[in-house]
PDB file of N, CA and C in Angstrom:
ATOM      1  N   MET A   1     113.807 162.379 130.092  1.00  0.00           N
ATOM      2  CA  MET A   1     113.726 162.869 128.729  1.00  0.00           C
ATOM      3  C   MET A   1     112.353 163.506 128.514  1.00  0.00           C
ATOM      4  N   ALA A   2     112.345 164.685 127.943  1.00  0.00           N
ATOM      5  CA  ALA A   2     111.105 165.431 127.727  1.00  0.00           C
ATOM      6  C   ALA A   2     110.372 164.930 126.483  1.00  0.00           C
ATOM      7  N   ILE A   3     109.074 165.034 126.524  1.00  0.00           N
ATOM      8  CA  ILE A   3     108.251 164.667 125.370  1.00  0.00           C
ATOM      9  C   ILE A   3     108.394 165.773 124.320  1.00  0.00           C
ATOM     10  N   GLU A   4     108.632 165.403 123.097  1.00  0.00           N
ATOM     11  CA  GLU A   4     108.760 166.367 122.005  1.00  0.00           C
ATOM     12  C   GLU A   4     107.397 166.563 121.345  1.00  0.00           C
ATOM     13  N   TRP A   5     106.565 167.407 121.984  1.00  0.00           N
ATOM     14  CA  TRP A   5     105.197 167.600 121.537  1.00  0.00           C
ATOM     15  C   TRP A   5     105.127 168.123 120.114  1.00  0.00           C
ATOM     16  N   ALA A   6     105.993 169.061 119.760  1.00  0.00           N
ATOM     17  CA  ALA A   6     105.948 169.631 118.406  1.00  0.00           C
ATOM     18  C   ALA A   6     106.146 168.539 117.353  1.00  0.00           C
ATOM     19  N   LYS A   7     107.048 167.612 117.635  1.00  0.00           N
ATOM     20  CA  LYS A   7     107.294 166.508 116.704  1.00  0.00           C
ATOM     21  C   LYS A   7     106.070 165.590 116.631  1.00  0.00           C
ATOM     22  N   LEU A   8     105.459 165.304 117.774  1.00  0.00           N
ATOM     23  CA  LEU A   8     104.261 164.454 117.796  1.00  0.00           C
ATOM     24  C   LEU A   8     103.113 165.097 117.022  1.00  0.00           C
ATOM     25  N   VAL A   9     102.950 166.414 117.180  1.00  0.00           N
ATOM     26  CA  VAL A   9     101.889 167.133 116.468  1.00  0.00           C
ATOM     27  C   VAL A   9     102.156 167.094 114.963  1.00  0.00           C
ATOM     28  N   ALA A  10     103.399 167.362 114.573  1.00  0.00           N
ATOM     29  CA  ALA A  10     103.757 167.356 113.152  1.00  0.00           C
ATOM     30  C   ALA A  10     103.529 165.985 112.517  1.00  0.00           C
ATOM     31  N   GLN A  11     103.736 164.925 113.293  1.00  0.00           N
ATOM     32  CA  GLN A  11     103.544 163.565 112.793  1.00  0.00           C
ATOM     33  C   GLN A  11     102.088 163.102 112.897  1.00  0.00           C
ATOM     34  N   GLY A  12     101.225 163.929 113.495  1.00  0.00           N
ATOM     35  CA  GLY A  12      99.825 163.555 113.658  1.00  0.00           C
ATOM     36  C   GLY A  12      99.586 162.628 114.827  1.00  0.00           C
ATOM     37  N   ARG A  13     100.563 162.502 115.698  1.00  0.00           N
ATOM     38  CA  ARG A  13     100.443 161.586 116.832  1.00  0.00           C
ATOM     39  C   ARG A  13      99.904 162.276 118.085  1.00  0.00           C
ATOM     40  N   ALA A  14      99.662 163.595 118.009  1.00  0.00           N
ATOM     41  CA  ALA A  14      99.046 164.355 119.100  1.00  0.00           C
ATOM     42  C   ALA A  14      98.182 165.446 118.471  1.00  0.00           C
ATOM     43  N   LYS A  15      97.146 165.853 119.196  1.00  0.00           N
ATOM     44  CA  LYS A  15      96.233 166.873 118.675  1.00  0.00           C
ATOM     45  C   LYS A  15      96.919 168.225 118.602  1.00  0.00           C
ATOM     46  N   ASP A  16      97.603 168.589 119.659  1.00  0.00           N
ATOM     47  CA  ASP A  16      98.319 169.854 119.721  1.00  0.00           C
ATOM     48  C   ASP A  16      99.386 169.726 120.794  1.00  0.00           C
ATOM     49  N   ILE A  17     100.182 170.740 120.968  1.00  0.00           N
ATOM     50  CA  ILE A  17     101.249 170.683 121.966  1.00  0.00           C
ATOM     51  C   ILE A  17     100.626 170.522 123.351  1.00  0.00           C
ATOM     52  N   GLY A  18     100.979 169.431 124.008  1.00  0.00           N
ATOM     53  CA  GLY A  18     100.470 169.137 125.338  1.00  0.00           C
ATOM     54  C   GLY A  18      99.085 168.522 125.373  1.00  0.00           C
ATOM     55  N   ILE A  19      98.505 168.231 124.206  1.00  0.00           N
ATOM     56  CA  ILE A  19      97.147 167.695 124.156  1.00  0.00           C
ATOM     57  C   ILE A  19      97.123 166.405 123.326  1.00  0.00           C
ATOM     58  N   PRO A  20      96.988 165.247 123.976  1.00  0.00           N
ATOM     59  CA  PRO A  20      96.894 163.989 123.219  1.00  0.00           C
ATOM     60  C   PRO A  20      95.505 163.859 122.600  1.00  0.00           C
ATOM     61  N   TRP A  21      95.367 162.939 121.642  1.00  0.00           N
ATOM     62  CA  TRP A  21      94.061 162.676 121.038  1.00  0.00           C
ATOM     63  C   TRP A  21      93.136 162.036 122.077  1.00  0.00           C
ATOM     64  N   SER A  22      91.862 162.431 122.073  1.00  0.00           N
ATOM     65  CA  SER A  22      90.877 161.754 122.918  1.00  0.00           C
ATOM     66  C   SER A  22      90.557 160.409 122.269  1.00  0.00           C
ATOM     67  N   GLU A  23      89.874 159.554 122.990  1.00  0.00           N
ATOM     68  CA  GLU A  23      89.505 158.247 122.455  1.00  0.00           C
ATOM     69  C   GLU A  23      88.630 158.401 121.210  1.00  0.00           C
ATOM     70  N   GLU A  24      87.675 159.332 121.267  1.00  0.00           N
ATOM     71  CA  GLU A  24      86.774 159.568 120.139  1.00  0.00           C
ATOM     72  C   GLU A  24      87.552 160.088 118.920  1.00  0.00           C
ATOM     73  N   GLU A  25      88.501 160.977 119.149  1.00  0.00           N
ATOM     74  CA  GLU A  25      89.312 161.508 118.048  1.00  0.00           C
ATOM     75  C   GLU A  25      90.202 160.414 117.449  1.00  0.00           C
ATOM     76  N   ALA A  26      90.789 159.597 118.310  1.00  0.00           N
ATOM     77  CA  ALA A  26      91.646 158.500 117.833  1.00  0.00           C
ATOM     78  C   ALA A  26      90.836 157.523 116.982  1.00  0.00           C
ATOM     79  N   THR A  27      89.604 157.254 117.385  1.00  0.00           N
ATOM     80  CA  THR A  27      88.725 156.374 116.602  1.00  0.00           C
ATOM     81  C   THR A  27      88.442 156.991 115.236  1.00  0.00           C
ATOM     82  N   ALA A  28      88.160 158.298 115.215  1.00  0.00           N
ATOM     83  CA  ALA A  28      87.891 158.975 113.942  1.00  0.00           C
ATOM     84  C   ALA A  28      89.089 158.877 113.004  1.00  0.00           C
ATOM     85  N   ILE A  29      90.290 158.987 113.552  1.00  0.00           N
ATOM     86  CA  ILE A  29      91.504 158.940 112.735  1.00  0.00           C
ATOM     87  C   ILE A  29      91.826 157.524 112.280  1.00  0.00           C
ATOM     88  N   HIS A  30      91.884 156.598 113.213  1.00  0.00           N
ATOM     89  CA  HIS A  30      92.387 155.260 112.909  1.00  0.00           C
ATOM     90  C   HIS A  30      91.328 154.288 112.377  1.00  0.00           C
ATOM     91  N   THR A  31      90.098 154.408 112.851  1.00  0.00           N
ATOM     92  CA  THR A  31      89.053 153.481 112.421  1.00  0.00           C
ATOM     93  C   THR A  31      88.263 154.046 111.242  1.00  0.00           C
ATOM     94  N   LEU A  32      87.832 155.290 111.377  1.00  0.00           N
ATOM     95  CA  LEU A  32      87.022 155.902 110.321  1.00  0.00           C
ATOM     96  C   LEU A  32      87.872 156.507 109.201  1.00  0.00           C
ATOM     97  N   LYS A  33      89.168 156.635 109.449  1.00  0.00           N
ATOM     98  CA  LYS A  33      90.129 157.161 108.457  1.00  0.00           C
ATOM     99  C   LYS A  33      89.818 158.595 108.030  1.00  0.00           C
ATOM    100  N   ILE A  34      89.333 159.401 108.971  1.00  0.00           N
ATOM    101  CA  ILE A  34      89.112 160.819 108.701  1.00  0.00           C
ATOM    102  C   ILE A  34      90.468 161.518 108.817  1.00  0.00           C
ATOM    103  N   PRO A  35      90.833 162.349 107.833  1.00  0.00           N
ATOM    104  CA  PRO A  35      92.135 163.016 107.893  1.00  0.00           C
ATOM    105  C   PRO A  35      92.317 163.846 109.164  1.00  0.00           C
ATOM    106  N   ILE A  36      93.529 163.842 109.661  1.00  0.00           N
ATOM    107  CA  ILE A  36      93.867 164.512 110.918  1.00  0.00           C
ATOM    108  C   ILE A  36      93.460 165.977 110.923  1.00  0.00           C
ATOM    109  N   GLU A  37      93.662 166.669 109.809  1.00  0.00           N
ATOM    110  CA  GLU A  37      93.332 168.099 109.754  1.00  0.00           C
ATOM    111  C   GLU A  37      91.861 168.350 110.049  1.00  0.00           C
ATOM    112  N   TYR A  38      91.004 167.414 109.642  1.00  0.00           N
ATOM    113  CA  TYR A  38      89.577 167.558 109.898  1.00  0.00           C
ATOM    114  C   TYR A  38      89.255 167.226 111.355  1.00  0.00           C
ATOM    115  N   VAL A  39      89.893 166.200 111.895  1.00  0.00           N
ATOM    116  CA  VAL A  39      89.646 165.817 113.289  1.00  0.00           C
ATOM    117  C   VAL A  39      90.082 166.960 114.212  1.00  0.00           C
ATOM    118  N   ARG A  40      91.184 167.619 113.890  1.00  0.00           N
ATOM    119  CA  ARG A  40      91.632 168.762 114.703  1.00  0.00           C
ATOM    120  C   ARG A  40      90.600 169.885 114.700  1.00  0.00           C
ATOM    121  N   LYS A  41      89.752 169.918 113.699  1.00  0.00           N
ATOM    122  CA  LYS A  41      88.710 170.944 113.615  1.00  0.00           C
ATOM    123  C   LYS A  41      87.367 170.446 114.150  1.00  0.00           C
ATOM    124  N   GLY A  42      87.357 169.245 114.743  1.00  0.00           N
ATOM    125  CA  GLY A  42      86.147 168.740 115.386  1.00  0.00           C
ATOM    126  C   GLY A  42      85.279 167.830 114.544  1.00  0.00           C
ATOM    127  N   ILE A  43      85.741 167.448 113.364  1.00  0.00           N
ATOM    128  CA  ILE A  43      84.975 166.549 112.505  1.00  0.00           C
ATOM    129  C   ILE A  43      85.289 165.113 112.943  1.00  0.00           C
ATOM    130  N   LEU A  44      84.310 164.440 113.551  1.00  0.00           N
ATOM    131  CA  LEU A  44      84.556 163.129 114.138  1.00  0.00           C
ATOM    132  C   LEU A  44      83.700 162.010 113.562  1.00  0.00           C
ATOM    133  N   THR A  45      82.806 162.332 112.629  1.00  0.00           N
ATOM    134  CA  THR A  45      81.964 161.295 112.034  1.00  0.00           C
ATOM    135  C   THR A  45      82.080 161.348 110.517  1.00  0.00           C
ATOM    136  N   ILE A  46      81.803 160.223 109.883  1.00  0.00           N
ATOM    137  CA  ILE A  46      81.852 160.155 108.424  1.00  0.00           C
ATOM    138  C   ILE A  46      80.851 161.121 107.808  1.00  0.00           C
ATOM    139  N   SER A  47      79.649 161.210 108.385  1.00  0.00           N
ATOM    140  CA  SER A  47      78.637 162.103 107.804  1.00  0.00           C
ATOM    141  C   SER A  47      79.089 163.560 107.876  1.00  0.00           C
ATOM    142  N   ASP A  48      79.686 163.976 108.996  1.00  0.00           N
ATOM    143  CA  ASP A  48      80.197 165.347 109.098  1.00  0.00           C
ATOM    144  C   ASP A  48      81.346 165.577 108.122  1.00  0.00           C
ATOM    145  N   TYR A  49      82.198 164.573 107.986  1.00  0.00           N
ATOM    146  CA  TYR A  49      83.332 164.679 107.064  1.00  0.00           C
ATOM    147  C   TYR A  49      82.844 164.840 105.624  1.00  0.00           C
ATOM    148  N   GLU A  50      81.845 164.058 105.238  1.00  0.00           N
ATOM    149  CA  GLU A  50      81.316 164.140 103.876  1.00  0.00           C
ATOM    150  C   GLU A  50      80.720 165.528 103.598  1.00  0.00           C
ATOM    151  N   LYS A  51      80.112 166.135 104.620  1.00  0.00           N
ATOM    152  CA  LYS A  51      79.496 167.456 104.450  1.00  0.00           C
ATOM    153  C   LYS A  51      80.537 168.541 104.188  1.00  0.00           C
ATOM    154  N   VAL A  52      81.692 168.447 104.841  1.00  0.00           N
ATOM    155  CA  VAL A  52      82.682 169.531 104.759  1.00  0.00           C
ATOM    156  C   VAL A  52      83.891 169.205 103.891  1.00  0.00           C
ATOM    157  N   LYS A  53      83.990 167.984 103.427  1.00  0.00           N
ATOM    158  CA  LYS A  53      85.155 167.569 102.640  1.00  0.00           C
ATOM    159  C   LYS A  53      85.363 168.521 101.463  1.00  0.00           C
ATOM    160  N   GLY A  54      86.560 169.018 101.347  1.00  0.00           N
ATOM    161  CA  GLY A  54      86.897 169.913 100.255  1.00  0.00           C
ATOM    162  C   GLY A  54      86.598 171.371 100.515  1.00  0.00           C
ATOM    163  N   SER A  55      85.942 171.675 101.632  1.00  0.00           N
ATOM    164  CA  SER A  55      85.548 173.062 101.875  1.00  0.00           C
ATOM    165  C   SER A  55      86.446 173.788 102.871  1.00  0.00           C
ATOM    166  N   ILE A  56      87.403 173.095 103.448  1.00  0.00           N
ATOM    167  CA  ILE A  56      88.267 173.772 104.407  1.00  0.00           C
ATOM    168  C   ILE A  56      89.695 173.822 103.896  1.00  0.00           C
ATOM    169  N   LEU A  57      90.485 174.637 104.527  1.00  0.00           N
ATOM    170  CA  LEU A  57      91.860 174.847 104.101  1.00  0.00           C
ATOM    171  C   LEU A  57      92.718 173.593 104.178  1.00  0.00           C
ATOM    172  N   ALA A  58      92.303 172.615 104.944  1.00  0.00           N
ATOM    173  CA  ALA A  58      93.095 171.391 105.118  1.00  0.00           C
ATOM    174  C   ALA A  58      93.344 170.679 103.802  1.00  0.00           C
ATOM    175  N   ASP A  59      92.497 170.923 102.817  1.00  0.00           N
ATOM    176  CA  ASP A  59      92.659 170.264 101.526  1.00  0.00           C
ATOM    177  C   ASP A  59      93.715 170.924 100.650  1.00  0.00           C
ATOM    178  N   LYS A  60      94.210 172.079 101.069  1.00  0.00           N
ATOM    179  CA  LYS A  60      95.211 172.791 100.273  1.00  0.00           C
ATOM    180  C   LYS A  60      96.616 172.379 100.684  1.00  0.00           C
ATOM    181  N   SER A  61      97.511 172.451  99.730  1.00  0.00           N
ATOM    182  CA  SER A  61      98.918 172.146 100.029  1.00  0.00           C
ATOM    183  C   SER A  61      99.534 173.329 100.779  1.00  0.00           C
ATOM    184  N   LYS A  62     100.684 173.091 101.368  1.00  0.00           N
ATOM    185  CA  LYS A  62     101.376 174.156 102.089  1.00  0.00           C
ATOM    186  C   LYS A  62     101.694 175.314 101.145  1.00  0.00           C
ATOM    187  N   ASP A  63     102.131 175.009  99.928  1.00  0.00           N
ATOM    188  CA  ASP A  63     102.435 176.067  98.956  1.00  0.00           C
ATOM    189  C   ASP A  63     101.193 176.888  98.614  1.00  0.00           C
ATOM    190  N   GLU A  64     100.051 176.217  98.488  1.00  0.00           N
ATOM    191  CA  GLU A  64      98.797 176.932  98.213  1.00  0.00           C
ATOM    192  C   GLU A  64      98.417 177.827  99.382  1.00  0.00           C
ATOM    193  N   LEU A  65      98.644 177.329 100.598  1.00  0.00           N
ATOM    194  CA  LEU A  65      98.337 178.133 101.782  1.00  0.00           C
ATOM    195  C   LEU A  65      99.258 179.344 101.877  1.00  0.00           C
ATOM    196  N   ILE A  66     100.529 179.163 101.551  1.00  0.00           N
ATOM    197  CA  ILE A  66     101.469 180.299 101.565  1.00  0.00           C
ATOM    198  C   ILE A  66     101.009 181.355 100.560  1.00  0.00           C
ATOM    199  N   ALA A  67     100.616 180.914  99.365  1.00  0.00           N
ATOM    200  CA  ALA A  67     100.132 181.849  98.345  1.00  0.00           C
ATOM    201  C   ALA A  67      98.874 182.576  98.813  1.00  0.00           C
ATOM    202  N   GLU A  68      97.957 181.838  99.441  1.00  0.00           N
ATOM    203  CA  GLU A  68      96.727 182.466  99.937  1.00  0.00           C
ATOM    204  C   GLU A  68      97.023 183.453 101.056  1.00  0.00           C
ATOM    205  N   ALA A  69      97.942 183.092 101.945  1.00  0.00           N
ATOM    206  CA  ALA A  69      98.313 184.004 103.033  1.00  0.00           C
ATOM    207  C   ALA A  69      98.888 185.298 102.475  1.00  0.00           C
ATOM    208  N   LYS A  70      99.764 185.174 101.502  1.00  0.00           N
ATOM    209  CA  LYS A  70     100.363 186.373 100.889  1.00  0.00           C
ATOM    210  C   LYS A  70      99.296 187.219 100.200  1.00  0.00           C
ATOM    211  N   LYS A  71      98.328 186.555  99.546  1.00  0.00           N
ATOM    212  CA  LYS A  71      97.227 187.259  98.887  1.00  0.00           C
ATOM    213  C   LYS A  71      96.396 188.042  99.915  1.00  0.00           C
ATOM    214  N   GLU A  72      96.291 187.493 101.126  1.00  0.00           N
ATOM    215  CA  GLU A  72      95.538 188.135 102.204  1.00  0.00           C
ATOM    216  C   GLU A  72      96.361 189.210 102.919  1.00  0.00           C
ATOM    217  N   GLY A  73      97.624 189.372 102.488  1.00  0.00           N
ATOM    218  CA  GLY A  73      98.471 190.390 103.107  1.00  0.00           C
ATOM    219  C   GLY A  73      99.161 189.930 104.375  1.00  0.00           C
ATOM    220  N   ILE A  74      99.267 188.633 104.552  1.00  0.00           N
ATOM    221  CA  ILE A  74      99.901 188.062 105.735  1.00  0.00           C
ATOM    222  C   ILE A  74     101.351 187.730 105.389  1.00  0.00           C
ATOM    223  N   ALA A  75     102.288 188.251 106.159  1.00  0.00           N
ATOM    224  CA  ALA A  75     103.701 187.950 105.931  1.00  0.00           C
ATOM    225  C   ALA A  75     104.006 186.569 106.501  1.00  0.00           C
ATOM    226  N   VAL A  76     104.523 185.673 105.662  1.00  0.00           N
ATOM    227  CA  VAL A  76     104.863 184.323 106.092  1.00  0.00           C
ATOM    228  C   VAL A  76     106.212 183.912 105.514  1.00  0.00           C
ATOM    229  N   THR A  77     106.810 182.916 106.116  1.00  0.00           N
ATOM    230  CA  THR A  77     108.050 182.342 105.610  1.00  0.00           C
ATOM    231  C   THR A  77     107.807 180.864 105.319  1.00  0.00           C
ATOM    232  N   PRO A  78     108.673 180.224 104.554  1.00  0.00           N
ATOM    233  CA  PRO A  78     108.499 178.800 104.257  1.00  0.00           C
ATOM    234  C   PRO A  78     108.571 177.903 105.496  1.00  0.00           C
ATOM    235  N   GLU A  79     109.089 178.430 106.597  1.00  0.00           N
ATOM    236  CA  GLU A  79     109.182 177.635 107.822  1.00  0.00           C
ATOM    237  C   GLU A  79     107.845 177.486 108.537  1.00  0.00           C
ATOM    238  N   ALA A  80     106.848 178.278 108.174  1.00  0.00           N
ATOM    239  CA  ALA A  80     105.532 178.202 108.819  1.00  0.00           C
ATOM    240  C   ALA A  80     104.939 176.816 108.590  1.00  0.00           C
ATOM    241  N   THR A  81     104.310 176.277 109.632  1.00  0.00           N
ATOM    242  CA  THR A  81     103.666 174.976 109.480  1.00  0.00           C
ATOM    243  C   THR A  81     102.326 175.142 108.767  1.00  0.00           C
ATOM    244  N   LYS A  82     101.840 174.062 108.209  1.00  0.00           N
ATOM    245  CA  LYS A  82     100.551 174.083 107.521  1.00  0.00           C
ATOM    246  C   LYS A  82      99.441 174.511 108.488  1.00  0.00           C
ATOM    247  N   GLU A  83      99.508 173.986 109.714  1.00  0.00           N
ATOM    248  CA  GLU A  83      98.496 174.321 110.719  1.00  0.00           C
ATOM    249  C   GLU A  83      98.540 175.801 111.071  1.00  0.00           C
ATOM    250  N   SER A  84      99.742 176.371 111.191  1.00  0.00           N
ATOM    251  CA  SER A  84      99.880 177.797 111.502  1.00  0.00           C
ATOM    252  C   SER A  84      99.321 178.648 110.371  1.00  0.00           C
ATOM    253  N   LEU A  85      99.607 178.246 109.151  1.00  0.00           N
ATOM    254  CA  LEU A  85      99.083 178.980 108.000  1.00  0.00           C
ATOM    255  C   LEU A  85      97.564 178.963 107.973  1.00  0.00           C
ATOM    256  N   GLU A  86      96.979 177.784 108.205  1.00  0.00           N
ATOM    257  CA  GLU A  86      95.516 177.673 108.243  1.00  0.00           C
ATOM    258  C   GLU A  86      94.947 178.614 109.296  1.00  0.00           C
ATOM    259  N   LYS A  87      95.563 178.607 110.465  1.00  0.00           N
ATOM    260  CA  LYS A  87      95.065 179.410 111.585  1.00  0.00           C
ATOM    261  C   LYS A  87      95.083 180.901 111.260  1.00  0.00           C
ATOM    262  N   VAL A  88      96.198 181.418 110.733  1.00  0.00           N
ATOM    263  CA  VAL A  88      96.269 182.860 110.474  1.00  0.00           C
ATOM    264  C   VAL A  88      95.360 183.280 109.329  1.00  0.00           C
ATOM    265  N   ILE A  89      95.181 182.406 108.338  1.00  0.00           N
ATOM    266  CA  ILE A  89      94.276 182.731 107.229  1.00  0.00           C
ATOM    267  C   ILE A  89      92.838 182.800 107.732  1.00  0.00           C
ATOM    268  N   VAL A  90      92.433 181.820 108.524  1.00  0.00           N
ATOM    269  CA  VAL A  90      91.069 181.820 109.073  1.00  0.00           C
ATOM    270  C   VAL A  90      90.853 183.038 109.969  1.00  0.00           C
ATOM    271  N   GLU A  91      91.830 183.332 110.820  1.00  0.00           N
ATOM    272  CA  GLU A  91      91.710 184.502 111.700  1.00  0.00           C
ATOM    273  C   GLU A  91      91.563 185.780 110.890  1.00  0.00           C
ATOM    274  N   LYS A  92      92.366 185.932 109.864  1.00  0.00           N
ATOM    275  CA  LYS A  92      92.312 187.127 109.017  1.00  0.00           C
ATOM    276  C   LYS A  92      90.949 187.247 108.354  1.00  0.00           C
ATOM    277  N   LYS A  93      90.448 186.150 107.804  1.00  0.00           N
ATOM    278  CA  LYS A  93      89.155 186.185 107.125  1.00  0.00           C
ATOM    279  C   LYS A  93      88.020 186.442 108.105  1.00  0.00           C
ATOM    280  N   ASN A  94      88.100 185.875 109.301  1.00  0.00           N
ATOM    281  CA  ASN A  94      87.043 186.092 110.298  1.00  0.00           C
ATOM    282  C   ASN A  94      87.018 187.528 110.776  1.00  0.00           C
ATOM    283  N   VAL A  95      88.174 188.140 110.935  1.00  0.00           N
ATOM    284  CA  VAL A  95      88.226 189.538 111.367  1.00  0.00           C
ATOM    285  C   VAL A  95      87.628 190.426 110.293  1.00  0.00           C
ATOM    286  N   GLU A  96      87.957 190.160 109.033  1.00  0.00           N
ATOM    287  CA  GLU A  96      87.417 190.960 107.939  1.00  0.00           C
ATOM    288  C   GLU A  96      85.930 190.713 107.736  1.00  0.00           C
ATOM    289  N   ALA A  97      85.474 189.492 107.985  1.00  0.00           N
ATOM    290  CA  ALA A  97      84.075 189.143 107.760  1.00  0.00           C
ATOM    291  C   ALA A  97      83.164 189.649 108.864  1.00  0.00           C
ATOM    292  N   LYS A  98      83.722 189.878 110.031  1.00  0.00           N
ATOM    293  CA  LYS A  98      82.912 190.293 111.167  1.00  0.00           C
ATOM    294  C   LYS A  98      83.339 191.683 111.633  1.00  0.00           C
ATOM    295  N   PRO A  99      82.727 192.714 111.066  1.00  0.00           N
ATOM    296  CA  PRO A  99      83.099 194.046 111.513  1.00  0.00           C
ATOM    297  C   PRO A  99      82.745 194.224 112.984  1.00  0.00           C
ATOM    298  N   VAL A 100      83.568 194.962 113.663  1.00  0.00           N
ATOM    299  CA  VAL A 100      83.359 195.178 115.094  1.00  0.00           C
ATOM    300  C   VAL A 100      82.256 196.204 115.282  1.00  0.00           C
ATOM    301  N   LYS A 101      81.278 195.842 116.112  1.00  0.00           N
ATOM    302  CA  LYS A 101      80.202 196.770 116.427  1.00  0.00           C
ATOM    303  C   LYS A 101      80.466 197.362 117.805  1.00  0.00           C
ATOM    304  N   MET A 102      80.432 198.633 117.854  1.00  0.00           N
ATOM    305  CA  MET A 102      80.607 199.301 119.137  1.00  0.00           C
ATOM    306  C   MET A 102      79.228 199.673 119.655  1.00  0.00           C
ATOM    307  N   THR A 103      78.889 199.167 120.810  1.00  0.00           N
ATOM    308  CA  THR A 103      77.609 199.517 121.403  1.00  0.00           C
ATOM    309  C   THR A 103      77.849 200.045 122.804  1.00  0.00           C
ATOM    310  N   VAL A 104      77.049 200.968 123.163  1.00  0.00           N
ATOM    311  CA  VAL A 104      77.153 201.547 124.491  1.00  0.00           C
ATOM    312  C   VAL A 104      75.850 201.266 125.218  1.00  0.00           C
ATOM    313  N   LYS A 105      75.964 200.636 126.360  1.00  0.00           N
ATOM    314  CA  LYS A 105      74.773 200.377 127.158  1.00  0.00           C
ATOM    315  C   LYS A 105      74.542 201.597 128.043  1.00  0.00           C
ATOM    316  N   ARG A 106      73.352 202.080 127.982  1.00  0.00           N
ATOM    317  CA  ARG A 106      73.012 203.251 128.795  1.00  0.00           C
ATOM    318  C   ARG A 106      72.057 202.841 129.893  1.00  0.00           C
ATOM    319  N   LYS A 107      72.255 203.446 131.001  1.00  0.00           N
ATOM    320  CA  LYS A 107      71.334 203.198 132.099  1.00  0.00           C
ATOM    321  C   LYS A 107      70.034 203.949 131.825  1.00  0.00           C
ATOM    322  N   ARG A 108      68.965 203.244 132.073  1.00  0.00           N
ATOM    323  CA  ARG A 108      67.656 203.874 131.897  1.00  0.00           C
ATOM    324  C   ARG A 108      67.337 204.714 133.126  1.00  0.00           C
ATOM    325  N   SER A 109      66.870 205.866 132.859  1.00  0.00           N
ATOM    326  CA  SER A 109      66.458 206.687 134.009  1.00  0.00           C
ATOM    327  C   SER A 109      64.994 206.384 134.298  1.00  0.00           C
ATOM    328  N   ARG A 110      64.708 206.321 135.559  1.00  0.00           N
ATOM    329  CA  ARG A 110      63.332 205.970 135.944  1.00  0.00           C
ATOM    330  C   ARG A 110      62.649 207.131 136.574  1.00  0.00           C
TER     331      ARG A 110
END
């Protein structure tokens, strides 16, 4: 019988498809009670969690994320997972925030 990674991820029992929680991540979730969405983003200590709490998309509901995605011009359906919505919104904002610089390296003549 195959492992149903998508189900484990949706239930918070795995970090991502094919990737179980590390010991440090499991401690952050079960002992420190840091929400899974934050641990998936690398927040593993209470002090780090307190610094970023409320500032990331993880605090928004799925409906809020769908609305934000549509506002950003991203086509989505209700079947999109919360994690997928977060990912595409962040990617869209990062692309817009970081204009591409084209540079050409020239050889110096001696």
